[in-house]
Amino acid sequence: VLADKGFISLDVEYIDGTKLLQKSEMRKNMVMDLIYRGFIYAANYSESHYNPRRSQIKTELRYLFVTTLNR
């Protein structure tokens, strides 16, 4: 009926699947961001309590998260 009036019918399953995928990607990015922030917070805490490996740890974490997110 709507097709006769010029409306295009859309595949509801495709739209739902796309929305779920977008939500899944958003959740994944949020979790990765929280983990990254937690590690950086821990590294900064270690800095205030003198940890000679702090800068090395932060560099490794940045590399890990940048390469992981770009896959």
Protein backbone atom coordinates (compact mmCIF):
# COMPACT_ATOMS: atom_id res chain seq x y z
CA VAL A 1 0.00 0.00 0.00
CA LEU A 2 2.76 2.45 0.95
CA ALA A 3 4.77 1.44 -2.14
CA ASP A 4 1.91 2.74 -4.29
CA LYS A 5 2.23 6.15 -2.63
CA GLY A 6 5.96 6.41 -3.36
CA PHE A 7 7.29 5.04 -0.08
CA ILE A 8 10.13 2.56 -0.24
CA SER A 9 9.82 -0.46 2.02
CA LEU A 10 12.97 -1.20 4.00
CA ASP A 11 14.14 -4.53 5.33
CA VAL A 12 13.49 -4.23 9.07
CA GLU A 13 15.90 -7.05 9.92
CA TYR A 14 18.72 -5.25 8.11
CA ILE A 15 18.05 -2.03 10.00
CA ASP A 16 17.87 -3.83 13.36
CA GLY A 17 21.10 -5.68 12.58
CA THR A 18 22.83 -2.44 11.65
CA LYS A 19 21.67 -0.74 14.84
CA LEU A 20 22.85 -3.68 16.94
CA LEU A 21 26.24 -3.61 15.22
CA GLN A 22 26.55 0.13 15.84
CA LYS A 23 25.64 -0.34 19.51
CA SER A 24 28.11 -3.20 19.79
CA GLU A 25 30.88 -1.06 18.27
CA MET A 26 30.00 1.80 20.62
CA ARG A 27 30.14 -0.51 23.64
CA LYS A 28 33.46 -1.95 22.48
CA ASN A 29 34.92 1.53 22.06
CA MET A 30 33.62 2.62 25.46
CA VAL A 31 35.12 -0.43 27.16
CA MET A 32 38.46 0.07 25.39
CA ASP A 33 38.45 3.73 26.43
CA LEU A 34 37.71 2.87 30.06
CA ILE A 35 40.46 0.24 30.13
CA TYR A 36 42.93 2.68 28.56
CA ARG A 37 42.02 5.40 31.07
CA GLY A 38 42.39 2.94 33.92
CA PHE A 39 45.87 1.93 32.82
CA ILE A 40 46.92 5.56 32.34
CA TYR A 41 45.51 6.42 35.78
CA ALA A 42 47.51 3.56 37.27
CA ALA A 43 50.64 4.69 35.43
CA ASN A 44 50.17 8.26 36.67
CA TYR A 45 49.65 6.97 40.22
CA SER A 46 52.87 4.99 39.90
CA GLU A 47 54.65 8.12 38.72
CA SER A 48 53.78 9.91 41.94
CA HIS A 49 55.20 6.92 43.84
CA TYR A 50 58.32 6.74 41.65
CA ASN A 51 58.31 3.99 39.13
CA PRO A 52 61.19 4.18 36.64
CA ARG A 53 59.20 2.14 34.12
CA ARG A 54 56.23 4.53 34.08
CA SER A 55 57.05 6.29 30.81
CA GLN A 56 57.85 2.97 29.15
CA ILE A 57 54.54 1.51 30.35
CA LYS A 58 52.57 4.52 29.07
CA THR A 59 54.30 4.36 25.69
CA GLU A 60 53.58 0.64 25.37
CA LEU A 61 49.93 1.17 26.32
CA ARG A 62 49.48 3.98 23.80
CA TYR A 63 50.98 1.78 21.07
CA LEU A 64 48.79 -1.16 22.10
CA PHE A 65 45.55 0.82 22.07
CA VAL A 66 46.30 2.76 18.90
CA THR A 67 47.13 -0.39 16.96
CA THR A 68 44.17 -2.30 18.46
CA LEU A 69 41.59 0.37 17.60
CA ASN A 70 42.78 0.67 14.01
CA ARG A 71 42.26 -3.01 13.19
